[in-house]
Amino acid sequence: MKKEVSAKRVNIVNVKLVKEKSIKYQPRKITTPKDVVNLVGNLLIDCDREKLILITLNVKNEPTFIEVVSVGNLQSAIIHPREIFKTAILGNAANIIICHNHPSGDLEPSKEDIKITQRLKECGKLMGIELTDHIIIGSEGRFCSLQEKGLFK
């Protein structure tokens, strides 16, 4: 005798971004790592834990969204491509930049920083959303651009 399987309920959803607040930014375009630090540095400087921030950009390299993607502990923040690209896709981003802080003050990229950068670059290529830089922000406006260091492959 064949057992009848009951129907499964499937949710119908509507996914959208919710704006929490906004900030004014001048100049309108991101052209250098220093521009990125000027935009989001205050969100990362002097934090006691690692934070990862995503900046989405339109085709003119103008920032469209800023999201704190992850808040970690003293020495790490969990980063997964799906969390990075979720906002980028919903926000119709052409490019993205990620930034995080090192509470220790050491701006040298870790092996994990380099590894996730390469993984995000690969994922971005598949989706048509380029990762243009990964910037580590320290205290007193100091920063390290993985793009400028030649760590993008």
N, C-alpha and C. Protein backbone atom coordinates (compact mmCIF):
# COMPACT_ATOMS: atom_id res chain seq x y z
N MET A 1 0.84 -1.18 0.00
CA MET A 1 0.00 0.00 0.00
C MET A 1 0.88 1.24 0.00
N LYS A 2 0.60 2.16 -0.88
CA LYS A 2 1.39 3.38 -1.03
C LYS A 2 0.89 4.44 -0.07
N LYS A 3 1.84 5.02 0.69
CA LYS A 3 1.50 6.05 1.66
C LYS A 3 1.41 7.41 0.96
N GLU A 4 0.34 8.12 1.19
CA GLU A 4 0.15 9.43 0.57
C GLU A 4 0.97 10.48 1.32
N VAL A 5 1.71 11.29 0.57
CA VAL A 5 2.53 12.35 1.15
C VAL A 5 1.71 13.63 1.17
N SER A 6 1.71 14.29 2.34
CA SER A 6 0.94 15.53 2.44
C SER A 6 1.64 16.65 1.68
N ALA A 7 0.87 17.62 1.26
CA ALA A 7 1.41 18.75 0.51
C ALA A 7 2.30 19.60 1.41
N LYS A 8 3.30 20.18 0.80
CA LYS A 8 4.22 21.07 1.53
C LYS A 8 3.81 22.51 1.23
N ARG A 9 3.82 23.31 2.26
CA ARG A 9 3.50 24.74 2.11
C ARG A 9 4.77 25.47 1.70
N VAL A 10 4.67 26.31 0.66
CA VAL A 10 5.79 27.11 0.17
C VAL A 10 5.44 28.57 0.36
N ASN A 11 6.32 29.30 1.03
CA ASN A 11 6.07 30.71 1.30
C ASN A 11 6.29 31.56 0.05
N ILE A 12 5.47 32.54 -0.14
CA ILE A 12 5.66 33.54 -1.18
C ILE A 12 6.22 34.76 -0.47
N VAL A 13 7.36 35.26 -0.96
CA VAL A 13 8.06 36.32 -0.26
C VAL A 13 8.29 37.53 -1.15
N ASN A 14 8.64 38.61 -0.51
CA ASN A 14 9.04 39.84 -1.17
C ASN A 14 10.29 40.31 -0.44
N VAL A 15 11.42 40.35 -1.14
CA VAL A 15 12.69 40.71 -0.52
C VAL A 15 13.04 42.14 -0.92
N LYS A 16 13.41 42.96 0.06
CA LYS A 16 13.80 44.33 -0.24
C LYS A 16 14.78 44.84 0.80
N LEU A 17 15.51 45.87 0.41
CA LEU A 17 16.41 46.54 1.33
C LEU A 17 15.62 47.54 2.16
N VAL A 18 16.04 47.71 3.40
CA VAL A 18 15.40 48.69 4.28
C VAL A 18 16.47 49.71 4.67
N LYS A 19 16.21 50.97 4.33
CA LYS A 19 17.16 52.03 4.66
C LYS A 19 17.02 52.38 6.15
N GLU A 20 18.12 52.30 6.89
CA GLU A 20 18.11 52.65 8.30
C GLU A 20 18.37 54.13 8.50
N LYS A 21 19.31 54.67 7.75
CA LYS A 21 19.63 56.09 7.78
C LYS A 21 20.52 56.39 6.59
N SER A 22 20.93 57.64 6.43
CA SER A 22 21.80 57.99 5.32
C SER A 22 22.82 59.02 5.79
N ILE A 23 23.89 59.14 5.01
CA ILE A 23 24.92 60.14 5.28
C ILE A 23 25.23 60.86 3.97
N LYS A 24 25.70 62.09 4.07
CA LYS A 24 26.12 62.82 2.88
C LYS A 24 27.59 62.53 2.63
N TYR A 25 27.95 62.45 1.36
CA TYR A 25 29.32 62.13 1.00
C TYR A 25 29.79 63.03 -0.13
N GLN A 26 30.89 63.67 0.08
CA GLN A 26 31.51 64.54 -0.93
C GLN A 26 32.99 64.18 -0.97
N PRO A 27 33.62 63.88 -2.07
CA PRO A 27 33.12 63.91 -3.44
C PRO A 27 32.19 62.74 -3.71
N ARG A 28 31.47 62.80 -4.78
CA ARG A 28 30.45 61.79 -5.06
C ARG A 28 31.04 60.44 -5.48
N LYS A 29 32.24 60.44 -6.06
CA LYS A 29 32.84 59.21 -6.59
C LYS A 29 33.93 58.69 -5.66
N ILE A 30 34.10 57.38 -5.67
CA ILE A 30 35.22 56.73 -5.00
C ILE A 30 36.30 56.53 -6.05
N THR A 31 37.43 57.21 -5.88
CA THR A 31 38.52 57.06 -6.84
C THR A 31 39.81 56.54 -6.21
N THR A 32 39.91 56.64 -4.88
CA THR A 32 41.12 56.19 -4.18
C THR A 32 40.74 55.50 -2.88
N PRO A 33 41.64 54.70 -2.33
CA PRO A 33 41.39 54.10 -1.02
C PRO A 33 41.13 55.17 0.06
N LYS A 34 41.78 56.32 -0.05
CA LYS A 34 41.57 57.41 0.92
C LYS A 34 40.11 57.88 0.90
N ASP A 35 39.49 57.88 -0.28
CA ASP A 35 38.06 58.22 -0.38
C ASP A 35 37.22 57.25 0.45
N VAL A 36 37.58 55.98 0.40
CA VAL A 36 36.86 54.95 1.16
C VAL A 36 37.02 55.21 2.66
N VAL A 37 38.24 55.50 3.08
CA VAL A 37 38.51 55.77 4.49
C VAL A 37 37.71 57.00 4.95
N ASN A 38 37.64 58.02 4.10
CA ASN A 38 36.86 59.21 4.45
C ASN A 38 35.37 58.89 4.58
N LEU A 39 34.89 57.93 3.78
CA LEU A 39 33.47 57.56 3.81
C LEU A 39 33.11 56.73 5.03
N VAL A 40 33.89 55.70 5.35
CA VAL A 40 33.49 54.75 6.40
C VAL A 40 34.46 54.66 7.57
N GLY A 41 35.53 55.42 7.54
CA GLY A 41 36.53 55.32 8.59
C GLY A 41 35.98 55.51 9.98
N ASN A 42 35.06 56.45 10.15
CA ASN A 42 34.49 56.70 11.48
C ASN A 42 33.71 55.51 12.03
N LEU A 43 33.25 54.62 11.15
CA LEU A 43 32.53 53.44 11.59
C LEU A 43 33.47 52.34 12.10
N LEU A 44 34.77 52.47 11.77
CA LEU A 44 35.72 51.41 12.11
C LEU A 44 36.84 51.84 13.07
N ILE A 45 37.20 53.11 13.05
CA ILE A 45 38.31 53.56 13.88
C ILE A 45 37.95 53.42 15.36
N ASP A 46 38.90 52.92 16.12
CA ASP A 46 38.78 52.75 17.57
C ASP A 46 37.73 51.72 18.00
N CYS A 47 37.33 50.82 17.12
CA CYS A 47 36.44 49.72 17.51
C CYS A 47 37.24 48.69 18.30
N ASP A 48 36.63 48.11 19.30
CA ASP A 48 37.33 47.10 20.10
C ASP A 48 37.20 45.69 19.52
N ARG A 49 36.40 45.55 18.45
CA ARG A 49 36.23 44.27 17.77
C ARG A 49 36.33 44.49 16.27
N GLU A 50 36.63 43.42 15.55
CA GLU A 50 36.67 43.54 14.09
C GLU A 50 35.26 43.73 13.55
N LYS A 51 35.15 44.66 12.60
CA LYS A 51 33.90 44.87 11.88
C LYS A 51 34.23 44.83 10.40
N LEU A 52 33.32 44.25 9.63
CA LEU A 52 33.46 44.24 8.19
C LEU A 52 32.33 45.07 7.59
N ILE A 53 32.71 46.01 6.73
CA ILE A 53 31.75 46.90 6.08
C ILE A 53 31.79 46.68 4.59
N LEU A 54 30.62 46.67 3.98
CA LEU A 54 30.47 46.57 2.54
C LEU A 54 30.02 47.93 2.01
N ILE A 55 30.66 48.36 0.93
CA ILE A 55 30.24 49.55 0.21
C ILE A 55 29.86 49.08 -1.19
N THR A 56 28.62 49.38 -1.60
CA THR A 56 28.22 49.06 -2.97
C THR A 56 28.34 50.32 -3.81
N LEU A 57 28.71 50.12 -5.06
CA LEU A 57 28.94 51.23 -5.98
C LEU A 57 28.12 51.05 -7.25
N ASN A 58 27.70 52.17 -7.83
CA ASN A 58 27.02 52.09 -9.13
C ASN A 58 28.06 52.12 -10.25
N VAL A 59 27.62 52.20 -11.50
CA VAL A 59 28.55 52.14 -12.63
C VAL A 59 29.46 53.37 -12.71
N LYS A 60 29.10 54.45 -12.02
CA LYS A 60 29.93 55.66 -12.00
C LYS A 60 30.89 55.67 -10.80
N ASN A 61 30.95 54.56 -10.08
CA ASN A 61 31.77 54.42 -8.86
C ASN A 61 31.29 55.34 -7.73
N GLU A 62 30.02 55.62 -7.72
CA GLU A 62 29.42 56.39 -6.63
C GLU A 62 28.87 55.40 -5.60
N PRO A 63 29.15 55.64 -4.32
CA PRO A 63 28.61 54.74 -3.29
C PRO A 63 27.09 54.83 -3.24
N THR A 64 26.47 53.65 -3.15
CA THR A 64 25.01 53.60 -3.08
C THR A 64 24.52 53.07 -1.73
N PHE A 65 25.22 52.09 -1.17
CA PHE A 65 24.83 51.52 0.12
C PHE A 65 26.07 51.23 0.96
N ILE A 66 25.92 51.33 2.26
CA ILE A 66 26.95 50.93 3.23
C ILE A 66 26.26 49.97 4.19
N GLU A 67 26.87 48.83 4.43
CA GLU A 67 26.30 47.86 5.36
C GLU A 67 27.39 47.29 6.26
N VAL A 68 27.13 47.23 7.55
CA VAL A 68 27.99 46.49 8.47
C VAL A 68 27.56 45.03 8.33
N VAL A 69 28.40 44.25 7.67
CA VAL A 69 28.06 42.87 7.34
C VAL A 69 28.34 41.94 8.51
N SER A 70 29.43 42.22 9.25
CA SER A 70 29.83 41.31 10.32
C SER A 70 30.52 42.07 11.44
N VAL A 71 30.21 41.67 12.67
CA VAL A 71 30.92 42.16 13.84
C VAL A 71 31.49 40.93 14.52
N GLY A 72 32.79 40.92 14.64
CA GLY A 72 33.45 39.74 15.19
C GLY A 72 33.96 39.95 16.60
N ASN A 73 35.12 39.38 16.85
CA ASN A 73 35.75 39.53 18.15
C ASN A 73 37.04 40.32 17.98
N LEU A 74 37.92 40.21 18.93
CA LEU A 74 39.16 40.98 18.92
C LEU A 74 40.04 40.71 17.70
N GLN A 75 40.01 39.46 17.19
CA GLN A 75 40.93 39.12 16.12
C GLN A 75 40.32 38.56 14.84
N SER A 76 39.00 38.46 14.77
CA SER A 76 38.41 37.96 13.54
C SER A 76 36.94 38.34 13.43
N ALA A 77 36.47 38.36 12.20
CA ALA A 77 35.05 38.54 11.89
C ALA A 77 34.71 37.52 10.83
N ILE A 78 33.58 36.86 10.98
CA ILE A 78 33.19 35.83 10.03
C ILE A 78 32.68 36.50 8.76
N ILE A 79 33.24 36.06 7.64
CA ILE A 79 32.90 36.64 6.35
C ILE A 79 32.53 35.49 5.42
N HIS A 80 31.36 35.58 4.82
CA HIS A 80 30.96 34.59 3.83
C HIS A 80 30.46 35.33 2.59
N PRO A 81 30.84 34.87 1.40
CA PRO A 81 30.43 35.57 0.19
C PRO A 81 28.93 35.82 0.09
N ARG A 82 28.09 34.90 0.53
CA ARG A 82 26.65 35.12 0.38
C ARG A 82 26.18 36.32 1.17
N GLU A 83 26.81 36.58 2.33
CA GLU A 83 26.44 37.75 3.13
C GLU A 83 26.90 39.04 2.47
N ILE A 84 28.04 39.00 1.81
CA ILE A 84 28.57 40.16 1.11
C ILE A 84 27.71 40.49 -0.11
N PHE A 85 27.42 39.47 -0.90
CA PHE A 85 26.75 39.71 -2.17
C PHE A 85 25.23 39.86 -2.06
N LYS A 86 24.66 39.51 -0.92
CA LYS A 86 23.21 39.67 -0.74
C LYS A 86 22.80 41.13 -0.95
N THR A 87 23.45 42.03 -0.25
CA THR A 87 23.13 43.46 -0.38
C THR A 87 23.54 43.98 -1.76
N ALA A 88 24.66 43.50 -2.27
CA ALA A 88 25.13 43.95 -3.58
C ALA A 88 24.11 43.60 -4.67
N ILE A 89 23.55 42.41 -4.60
CA ILE A 89 22.56 41.99 -5.60
C ILE A 89 21.27 42.79 -5.43
N LEU A 90 20.78 42.86 -4.20
CA LEU A 90 19.54 43.60 -3.95
C LEU A 90 19.67 45.08 -4.31
N GLY A 91 20.86 45.62 -4.16
CA GLY A 91 21.09 47.04 -4.44
C GLY A 91 21.56 47.32 -5.85
N ASN A 92 21.54 46.31 -6.72
CA ASN A 92 21.95 46.47 -8.12
C ASN A 92 23.35 47.08 -8.24
N ALA A 93 24.28 46.60 -7.43
CA ALA A 93 25.65 47.12 -7.43
C ALA A 93 26.40 46.69 -8.69
N ALA A 94 27.20 47.61 -9.21
CA ALA A 94 28.11 47.29 -10.31
C ALA A 94 29.43 46.79 -9.75
N ASN A 95 29.85 47.38 -8.62
CA ASN A 95 31.12 47.04 -7.97
C ASN A 95 30.91 47.10 -6.47
N ILE A 96 31.84 46.47 -5.75
CA ILE A 96 31.81 46.54 -4.29
C ILE A 96 33.22 46.78 -3.76
N ILE A 97 33.27 47.32 -2.57
CA ILE A 97 34.51 47.46 -1.80
C ILE A 97 34.20 46.95 -0.41
N ILE A 98 35.11 46.16 0.16
CA ILE A 98 34.95 45.76 1.55
C ILE A 98 36.05 46.40 2.38
N CYS A 99 35.72 46.70 3.62
CA CYS A 99 36.66 47.31 4.56
C CYS A 99 36.50 46.61 5.89
N HIS A 100 37.58 46.48 6.59
CA HIS A 100 37.48 46.03 7.98
C HIS A 100 38.62 46.64 8.77
N ASN A 101 38.49 46.57 10.06
CA ASN A 101 39.50 47.12 10.95
C ASN A 101 40.30 45.99 11.60
N HIS A 102 41.48 46.34 12.06
CA HIS A 102 42.29 45.46 12.90
C HIS A 102 42.44 46.17 14.24
N PRO A 103 41.71 45.74 15.26
CA PRO A 103 41.79 46.42 16.56
C PRO A 103 43.20 46.48 17.13
N SER A 104 44.06 45.55 16.73
CA SER A 104 45.44 45.53 17.22
C SER A 104 46.24 46.72 16.69
N GLY A 105 45.76 47.33 15.60
CA GLY A 105 46.49 48.42 14.98
C GLY A 105 47.44 47.98 13.89
N ASP A 106 47.70 46.67 13.79
CA ASP A 106 48.59 46.13 12.75
C ASP A 106 47.83 46.11 11.43
N LEU A 107 48.31 46.86 10.45
CA LEU A 107 47.61 46.96 9.17
C LEU A 107 48.00 45.87 8.18
N GLU A 108 48.93 45.02 8.54
CA GLU A 108 49.37 43.97 7.62
C GLU A 108 48.22 42.97 7.40
N PRO A 109 47.87 42.70 6.12
CA PRO A 109 46.80 41.73 5.85
C PRO A 109 47.19 40.33 6.33
N SER A 110 46.24 39.66 6.96
CA SER A 110 46.48 38.29 7.41
C SER A 110 46.29 37.34 6.22
N LYS A 111 46.67 36.09 6.41
CA LYS A 111 46.45 35.07 5.37
C LYS A 111 44.95 34.95 5.09
N GLU A 112 44.14 35.05 6.14
CA GLU A 112 42.69 34.96 5.98
C GLU A 112 42.15 36.15 5.19
N ASP A 113 42.71 37.35 5.43
CA ASP A 113 42.30 38.53 4.67
C ASP A 113 42.55 38.33 3.18
N ILE A 114 43.71 37.81 2.85
CA ILE A 114 44.08 37.59 1.44
C ILE A 114 43.21 36.50 0.83
N LYS A 115 42.99 35.44 1.59
CA LYS A 115 42.19 34.31 1.10
C LYS A 115 40.75 34.74 0.81
N ILE A 116 40.11 35.48 1.72
CA ILE A 116 38.72 35.89 1.49
C ILE A 116 38.64 36.90 0.36
N THR A 117 39.66 37.74 0.21
CA THR A 117 39.68 38.70 -0.90
C THR A 117 39.67 37.96 -2.23
N GLN A 118 40.50 36.95 -2.35
CA GLN A 118 40.56 36.17 -3.59
C GLN A 118 39.25 35.43 -3.84
N ARG A 119 38.65 34.91 -2.79
CA ARG A 119 37.37 34.20 -2.92
C ARG A 119 36.26 35.15 -3.37
N LEU A 120 36.22 36.34 -2.78
CA LEU A 120 35.21 37.32 -3.16
C LEU A 120 35.41 37.81 -4.59
N LYS A 121 36.66 37.95 -5.01
CA LYS A 121 36.94 38.34 -6.40
C LYS A 121 36.38 37.29 -7.36
N GLU A 122 36.61 36.01 -7.04
CA GLU A 122 36.12 34.92 -7.89
C GLU A 122 34.60 34.91 -7.94
N CYS A 123 33.96 35.04 -6.78
CA CYS A 123 32.50 35.06 -6.72
C CYS A 123 31.95 36.25 -7.49
N GLY A 124 32.58 37.39 -7.34
CA GLY A 124 32.14 38.59 -8.03
C GLY A 124 32.21 38.44 -9.54
N LYS A 125 33.25 37.79 -10.03
CA LYS A 125 33.38 37.55 -11.47
C LYS A 125 32.19 36.75 -11.99
N LEU A 126 31.80 35.71 -11.23
CA LEU A 126 30.68 34.88 -11.63
C LEU A 126 29.37 35.67 -11.69
N MET A 127 29.22 36.63 -10.79
CA MET A 127 27.96 37.39 -10.69
C MET A 127 27.98 38.71 -11.44
N GLY A 128 29.14 39.10 -11.95
CA GLY A 128 29.23 40.37 -12.65
C GLY A 128 29.26 41.57 -11.71
N ILE A 129 29.72 41.35 -10.49
CA ILE A 129 29.86 42.42 -9.49
C ILE A 129 31.32 42.40 -9.02
N GLU A 130 32.12 43.32 -9.52
CA GLU A 130 33.55 43.30 -9.25
C GLU A 130 33.89 43.81 -7.85
N LEU A 131 34.76 43.06 -7.17
CA LEU A 131 35.36 43.54 -5.92
C LEU A 131 36.53 44.42 -6.33
N THR A 132 36.43 45.73 -6.08
CA THR A 132 37.48 46.65 -6.55
C THR A 132 38.57 46.87 -5.52
N ASP A 133 38.28 46.66 -4.24
CA ASP A 133 39.33 46.78 -3.22
C ASP A 133 38.86 46.16 -1.91
N HIS A 134 39.83 45.83 -1.10
CA HIS A 134 39.63 45.39 0.28
C HIS A 134 40.58 46.25 1.10
N ILE A 135 40.04 47.03 1.99
CA ILE A 135 40.84 48.00 2.73
C ILE A 135 40.78 47.68 4.22
N ILE A 136 41.96 47.65 4.83
CA ILE A 136 42.07 47.48 6.28
C ILE A 136 42.30 48.86 6.87
N ILE A 137 41.47 49.22 7.83
CA ILE A 137 41.54 50.55 8.42
C ILE A 137 42.05 50.44 9.86
N GLY A 138 43.02 51.29 10.16
CA GLY A 138 43.59 51.33 11.51
C GLY A 138 43.24 52.62 12.21
N SER A 139 44.00 52.95 13.21
CA SER A 139 43.75 54.18 13.96
C SER A 139 44.39 55.37 13.26
N GLU A 140 43.94 56.55 13.61
CA GLU A 140 44.50 57.81 13.12
C GLU A 140 44.51 57.92 11.60
N GLY A 141 43.49 57.34 10.95
CA GLY A 141 43.37 57.46 9.50
C GLY A 141 44.32 56.59 8.70
N ARG A 142 45.06 55.71 9.36
CA ARG A 142 45.97 54.82 8.63
C ARG A 142 45.16 53.69 7.99
N PHE A 143 45.63 53.22 6.83
CA PHE A 143 44.92 52.16 6.13
C PHE A 143 45.85 51.38 5.24
N CYS A 144 45.39 50.22 4.80
CA CYS A 144 46.13 49.37 3.87
C CYS A 144 45.15 48.90 2.80
N SER A 145 45.44 49.21 1.55
CA SER A 145 44.64 48.76 0.41
C SER A 145 45.27 47.50 -0.16
N LEU A 146 44.52 46.39 -0.16
CA LEU A 146 45.05 45.17 -0.73
C LEU A 146 45.23 45.31 -2.24
N GLN A 147 44.43 46.16 -2.88
CA GLN A 147 44.60 46.43 -4.31
C GLN A 147 45.94 47.11 -4.55
N GLU A 148 46.23 48.16 -3.78
CA GLU A 148 47.50 48.88 -3.94
C GLU A 148 48.71 48.01 -3.60
N LYS A 149 48.54 47.06 -2.68
CA LYS A 149 49.63 46.17 -2.31
C LYS A 149 49.85 45.07 -3.36
N GLY A 150 48.99 45.02 -4.36
CA GLY A 150 49.14 44.01 -5.41
C GLY A 150 48.68 42.63 -4.99
N LEU A 151 47.77 42.56 -4.00
CA LEU A 151 47.32 41.27 -3.49
C LEU A 151 46.05 40.76 -4.18
N PHE A 152 45.61 41.46 -5.23
CA PHE A 152 44.48 40.99 -6.03
C PHE A 152 45.05 40.16 -7.17
N LYS A 153 44.49 39.01 -7.39
CA LYS A 153 44.98 38.16 -8.49
C LYS A 153 43.85 37.88 -9.43
